[in-house]
Protein backbone atom coordinates (compact mmCIF):
# COMPACT_ATOMS: atom_id res chain seq x y z
CA UNK A 1 0.00 0.00 0.00
CA UNK A 2 1.30 3.43 -1.00
CA UNK A 3 0.42 6.75 0.50
CA UNK A 4 -0.24 9.32 -2.22
CA UNK A 5 0.02 13.06 -1.56
CA UNK A 6 -1.89 15.21 -4.05
CA UNK A 7 -0.89 18.87 -3.96
CA UNK A 8 -3.25 21.26 -5.76
CA UNK A 9 -1.95 24.77 -6.46
CA UNK A 10 -4.70 26.35 -8.55
CA UNK A 11 -6.72 29.24 -7.15
CA UNK A 12 -9.65 28.05 -9.25
CA UNK A 13 -12.10 25.35 -8.22
CA UNK A 14 -14.32 23.91 -10.95
CA UNK A 15 -12.66 25.77 -13.83
CA UNK A 16 -9.15 24.55 -12.98
CA UNK A 17 -7.51 22.37 -15.62
CA UNK A 18 -4.76 21.22 -13.24
CA UNK A 19 -7.37 20.08 -10.68
CA UNK A 20 -9.14 18.10 -13.38
CA UNK A 21 -5.84 16.41 -14.21
CA UNK A 22 -5.11 15.49 -10.57
CA UNK A 23 -8.66 14.13 -10.26
CA UNK A 24 -8.17 12.08 -13.42
CA UNK A 25 -4.83 10.81 -12.10
CA UNK A 26 -6.44 9.79 -8.79
CA UNK A 27 -9.30 7.99 -10.52
CA UNK A 28 -6.94 6.01 -12.77
CA UNK A 29 -4.41 5.33 -10.01
CA UNK A 30 -7.15 3.96 -7.73
CA UNK A 31 -8.21 1.48 -10.41
CA UNK A 32 -4.71 0.00 -10.48
CA UNK A 33 -3.91 0.50 -6.78
CA UNK A 34 -7.21 0.16 -4.87
CA UNK A 35 -5.52 -0.11 -1.46
CA UNK A 36 -3.54 3.11 -1.73
CA UNK A 37 -4.43 6.00 0.56
CA UNK A 38 -4.76 9.60 -0.67
CA UNK A 39 -4.02 12.82 1.19
CA UNK A 40 -4.76 16.25 -0.24
CA UNK A 41 -2.69 19.37 0.39
CA UNK A 42 -4.35 22.53 -0.81
CA UNK A 43 -1.91 25.34 -1.56
CA UNK A 44 -4.04 27.28 -4.03
CA UNK A 45 -7.24 27.87 -2.08
CA UNK A 46 -5.74 27.84 1.42
CA UNK A 47 -3.13 30.41 2.34
CA UNK A 48 0.36 29.28 3.24
CA UNK A 49 2.23 32.25 4.64
CA UNK A 50 5.52 33.31 3.08
CA UNK A 51 8.77 33.00 4.99
CA UNK A 52 9.20 35.89 7.39
CA UNK A 53 11.60 36.97 10.12
CA UNK A 54 9.88 34.84 12.77
CA UNK A 55 10.28 31.76 10.54
CA UNK A 56 13.96 32.50 9.89
CA UNK A 57 14.63 33.04 13.60
CA UNK A 58 13.02 29.69 14.42
CA UNK A 59 14.42 27.67 11.53
CA UNK A 60 18.06 28.30 12.32
CA UNK A 61 17.82 27.08 15.90
CA UNK A 62 18.60 23.40 16.32
CA UNK A 63 15.20 21.67 16.82
CA UNK A 64 16.26 20.11 20.12
CA UNK A 65 17.20 23.56 21.45
CA UNK A 66 14.01 25.41 20.52
CA UNK A 67 11.65 26.79 23.11
CA UNK A 68 7.88 26.77 22.70
CA UNK A 69 8.05 30.44 21.70
CA UNK A 70 10.66 30.11 18.98
CA UNK A 71 9.16 26.86 17.70
CA UNK A 72 5.99 28.71 16.67
CA UNK A 73 7.68 30.29 13.65
CA UNK A 74 8.16 26.91 11.98
CA UNK A 75 5.15 24.99 13.31
CA UNK A 76 3.46 24.88 9.90
CA UNK A 77 6.73 23.91 8.20
CA UNK A 78 7.13 21.06 10.68
CA UNK A 79 3.65 19.82 9.79
CA UNK A 80 4.26 20.13 6.02
CA UNK A 81 7.56 18.26 6.20
CA UNK A 82 6.04 15.54 8.39
CA UNK A 83 3.17 15.14 5.91
CA UNK A 84 5.55 15.03 2.94
CA UNK A 85 7.86 12.47 4.51
CA UNK A 86 4.91 10.20 5.34
CA UNK A 87 4.06 9.65 1.65
CA UNK A 88 5.47 7.50 -1.15
CA UNK A 89 3.91 9.05 -4.24
CA UNK A 90 3.62 12.78 -4.96
CA UNK A 91 1.20 14.37 -7.43
CA UNK A 92 1.47 18.09 -8.10
CA UNK A 93 -1.26 19.87 -9.99
CA UNK A 94 -0.26 23.42 -10.81
CA UNK A 95 -1.16 26.05 -13.37
CA UNK A 96 1.29 28.60 -14.73
CA UNK A 97 0.49 32.19 -13.81
CA UNK A 98 2.49 34.97 -15.49
CA UNK A 99 5.10 32.46 -16.65
CA UNK A 100 5.67 31.20 -13.12
CA UNK A 101 4.18 28.98 -10.43
CA UNK A 102 1.38 30.28 -8.17
CA UNK A 103 2.45 32.16 -5.05
CA UNK A 104 0.83 29.53 -2.80
CA UNK A 105 3.01 26.82 -4.32
CA UNK A 106 6.09 29.00 -3.94
CA UNK A 107 5.24 29.53 -0.26
CA UNK A 108 4.72 25.76 0.15
CA UNK A 109 8.09 24.99 -1.44
CA UNK A 110 9.86 27.67 0.59
CA UNK A 111 8.19 26.65 3.84
CA UNK A 112 8.81 22.94 3.45
CA UNK A 113 11.82 22.21 1.23
CA UNK A 114 13.92 25.14 2.45
CA UNK A 115 13.10 24.17 6.01
CA UNK A 116 13.89 20.53 5.28
CA UNK A 117 17.30 21.55 3.97
CA UNK A 118 18.00 23.45 7.16
CA UNK A 119 16.83 20.54 9.34
CA UNK A 120 18.94 18.12 7.31
CA UNK A 121 21.98 20.20 8.12
CA UNK A 122 21.35 19.40 11.78
CA UNK A 123 20.33 15.74 11.40
CA UNK A 124 21.49 14.01 8.23
CA UNK A 125 25.09 13.16 7.47
CA UNK A 126 24.41 11.67 4.02
CA UNK A 127 22.91 13.47 1.00
CA UNK A 128 20.94 10.35 0.08
CA UNK A 129 17.27 10.07 1.01
CA UNK A 130 17.31 13.62 2.30
CA UNK A 131 13.56 13.51 2.85
CA UNK A 132 14.02 10.57 5.18
CA UNK A 133 12.59 7.87 2.96
CA UNK A 134 13.99 4.38 2.84
CA UNK A 135 12.81 3.74 -0.71
CA UNK A 136 12.54 5.71 -3.95
CA UNK A 137 9.31 7.60 -4.56
CA UNK A 138 7.24 8.52 -7.62
CA UNK A 139 6.44 12.10 -8.52
CA UNK A 140 3.90 13.27 -11.10
CA UNK A 141 3.42 16.92 -12.11
CA UNK A 142 0.45 18.24 -14.08
């Protein structure tokens, strides 16, 4: 059984082409993998705040040395990284706005992958499986 994380970045609901593609992917994937579990991360319709000074102050303190107060700056990043690491398959549905990715997706990437890189500096001695997985994963982008 795989755990599939579907990340939708469109600010549109019914009129979103990328959402239609992630829905089509899910429908077809479930036919071939009926026991797989799906999780949805919404970065287009739900706001993910950009990195700010509070985040930076928290992120560069070794996790084991953080206080409750300075942990609050990276609480969402902790949750996003934990969610990401718990999955085996990643599906990203994103439109292109003004020749770039949506701001919500940028905030998601900054708040999770940048944070993960900082955490890895504290915890991981090897560059392999930097997201903490013991097996290769599959990633699909629409």
